[in-house]
Amino acid sequence: MIIYSYSEVTVDGFGKHNKTLTAGDYFGEVSLLLQVPRSANVTATDRVRCARLDTVRFERVFAPAMDVLKERIAQYQGIHF
C-alpha cells in the first residue's frame, strides 16, 4: 500500500481511467487485502512523496479498519469478494 502526501496521481484500471487521487489518498490496498496482483496503474501528474507499507505493516496498522477497507474496495468496478 502506498500513501502519498502531495500533488495528484491518476489511477487507471480495468481498461479505463478510474480516478484522480489527491494529497492524503492511498492506493494498493486491493492487492494487499485480497492477496492478488495489482489491479491498476498509478501515474504521478507531478512530483509526489510516497510512503510504502508492506503486507505485515499494512495488517498491523489497518487491522482495526479491515472491514471498512473491504467495504470500500467492494464499491470499485470489477472487484468481487
C-alpha atoms as a PDB file:
ATOM      1  CA  MET A   1       0.000   0.000   0.000  1.00  0.00           C
ATOM      2  CA  ILE A   2       1.215   3.471  -0.830  1.00  0.00           C
ATOM      3  CA  ILE A   3       0.169   6.647   0.955  1.00  0.00           C
ATOM      4  CA  TYR A   4       1.256   9.897  -0.621  1.00  0.00           C
ATOM      5  CA  SER A   5       1.448  13.439   0.627  1.00  0.00           C
ATOM      6  CA  TYR A   6       1.019  15.972  -2.156  1.00  0.00           C
ATOM      7  CA  SER A   7       0.218  16.581  -5.827  1.00  0.00           C
ATOM      8  CA  GLU A   8      -2.055  14.285  -7.816  1.00  0.00           C
ATOM      9  CA  VAL A   9      -1.872  10.807  -9.258  1.00  0.00           C
ATOM     10  CA  THR A  10      -4.203   9.140 -11.722  1.00  0.00           C
ATOM     11  CA  VAL A  11      -5.440   5.593 -11.306  1.00  0.00           C
ATOM     12  CA  ASP A  12      -6.155   3.564 -14.420  1.00  0.00           C
ATOM     13  CA  GLY A  13      -7.526   0.046 -14.179  1.00  0.00           C
ATOM     14  CA  PHE A  14      -9.978  -2.303 -15.789  1.00  0.00           C
ATOM     15  CA  GLY A  15      -9.249  -0.696 -19.155  1.00  0.00           C
ATOM     16  CA  LYS A  16     -10.202   2.879 -18.274  1.00  0.00           C
ATOM     17  CA  HIS A  17      -9.361   5.920 -16.165  1.00  0.00           C
ATOM     18  CA  ASN A  18     -10.880   5.290 -12.772  1.00  0.00           C
ATOM     19  CA  LYS A  19      -9.931   8.146 -10.505  1.00  0.00           C
ATOM     20  CA  THR A  20      -7.631  11.038  -9.725  1.00  0.00           C
ATOM     21  CA  LEU A  21      -6.238  10.872  -6.201  1.00  0.00           C
ATOM     22  CA  THR A  22      -5.168  13.929  -4.253  1.00  0.00           C
ATOM     23  CA  ALA A  23      -2.948  14.548  -1.226  1.00  0.00           C
ATOM     24  CA  GLY A  24      -3.629  12.120   1.622  1.00  0.00           C
ATOM     25  CA  ASP A  25      -5.293   9.449  -0.526  1.00  0.00           C
ATOM     26  CA  TYR A  26      -3.896   5.960  -0.845  1.00  0.00           C
ATOM     27  CA  PHE A  27      -3.664   3.119  -3.330  1.00  0.00           C
ATOM     28  CA  GLY A  28      -2.547  -0.505  -3.392  1.00  0.00           C
ATOM     29  CA  GLU A  29      -4.973  -1.737  -0.746  1.00  0.00           C
ATOM     30  CA  VAL A  30      -6.800  -4.089  -3.131  1.00  0.00           C
ATOM     31  CA  SER A  31      -3.684  -6.148  -3.736  1.00  0.00           C
ATOM     32  CA  LEU A  32      -2.882  -6.354  -0.028  1.00  0.00           C
ATOM     33  CA  LEU A  33      -6.414  -7.148   1.136  1.00  0.00           C
ATOM     34  CA  LEU A  34      -7.126  -9.779  -1.497  1.00  0.00           C
ATOM     35  CA  GLN A  35      -3.537 -11.041  -1.855  1.00  0.00           C
ATOM     36  CA  VAL A  36      -3.724 -10.703  -5.630  1.00  0.00           C
ATOM     37  CA  PRO A  37      -1.553  -8.939  -8.212  1.00  0.00           C
ATOM     38  CA  ARG A  38      -2.184  -5.215  -8.541  1.00  0.00           C
ATOM     39  CA  SER A  39      -5.308  -4.266 -10.439  1.00  0.00           C
ATOM     40  CA  ALA A  40      -4.433  -0.746 -11.595  1.00  0.00           C
ATOM     41  CA  ASN A  41      -1.643   1.524 -12.749  1.00  0.00           C
ATOM     42  CA  VAL A  42      -0.940   4.733 -10.864  1.00  0.00           C
ATOM     43  CA  THR A  43       0.766   7.646 -12.625  1.00  0.00           C
ATOM     44  CA  ALA A  44       2.009  10.827 -10.974  1.00  0.00           C
ATOM     45  CA  THR A  45       0.951  14.030 -12.708  1.00  0.00           C
ATOM     46  CA  ASP A  46       3.661  15.985 -10.849  1.00  0.00           C
ATOM     47  CA  ARG A  47       6.217  15.308  -8.128  1.00  0.00           C
ATOM     48  CA  VAL A  48       4.865  13.214  -5.260  1.00  0.00           C
ATOM     49  CA  ARG A  49       6.149  11.950  -1.936  1.00  0.00           C
ATOM     50  CA  CYS A  50       5.154   8.399  -1.071  1.00  0.00           C
ATOM     51  CA  ALA A  51       5.386   6.032   1.856  1.00  0.00           C
ATOM     52  CA  ARG A  52       5.232   2.289   1.248  1.00  0.00           C
ATOM     53  CA  LEU A  53       3.699  -0.276   3.591  1.00  0.00           C
ATOM     54  CA  ASP A  54       4.469  -3.958   3.147  1.00  0.00           C
ATOM     55  CA  THR A  55       1.873  -6.605   3.986  1.00  0.00           C
ATOM     56  CA  VAL A  56       2.961  -7.088   7.601  1.00  0.00           C
ATOM     57  CA  ARG A  57       2.912  -3.379   8.409  1.00  0.00           C
ATOM     58  CA  PHE A  58      -0.311  -2.867   6.472  1.00  0.00           C
ATOM     59  CA  GLU A  59      -2.063  -5.550   8.533  1.00  0.00           C
ATOM     60  CA  ARG A  60      -0.649  -4.195  11.791  1.00  0.00           C
ATOM     61  CA  VAL A  61      -1.639  -0.575  11.093  1.00  0.00           C
ATOM     62  CA  PHE A  62      -5.010  -1.176   9.428  1.00  0.00           C
ATOM     63  CA  ALA A  63      -6.275  -4.223  11.375  1.00  0.00           C
ATOM     64  CA  PRO A  64      -8.969  -2.180  13.144  1.00  0.00           C
ATOM     65  CA  ALA A  65     -10.239  -0.862   9.780  1.00  0.00           C
ATOM     66  CA  MET A  66     -10.088  -4.012   7.611  1.00  0.00           C
ATOM     67  CA  ASP A  67     -13.876  -4.319   7.308  1.00  0.00           C
ATOM     68  CA  VAL A  68     -14.177  -0.674   6.252  1.00  0.00           C
ATOM     69  CA  LEU A  69     -11.421  -1.083   3.651  1.00  0.00           C
ATOM     70  CA  LYS A  70     -13.112  -4.199   2.269  1.00  0.00           C
ATOM     71  CA  GLU A  71     -16.425  -2.342   2.004  1.00  0.00           C
ATOM     72  CA  ARG A  72     -14.705   0.475   0.097  1.00  0.00           C
ATOM     73  CA  ILE A  73     -12.993  -1.803  -2.400  1.00  0.00           C
ATOM     74  CA  ALA A  74     -16.240  -3.715  -2.955  1.00  0.00           C
ATOM     75  CA  GLN A  75     -17.502  -0.475  -4.496  1.00  0.00           C
ATOM     76  CA  TYR A  76     -14.699  -0.396  -7.085  1.00  0.00           C
ATOM     77  CA  GLN A  77     -15.803  -1.555 -10.514  1.00  0.00           C
ATOM     78  CA  GLY A  78     -14.770  -5.123 -11.248  1.00  0.00           C
ATOM     79  CA  ILE A  79     -13.795  -6.104  -7.688  1.00  0.00           C
ATOM     80  CA  HIS A  80     -15.709  -9.022  -6.184  1.00  0.00           C
ATOM     81  CA  PHE A  81     -15.129 -10.906  -2.934  1.00  0.00           C
END
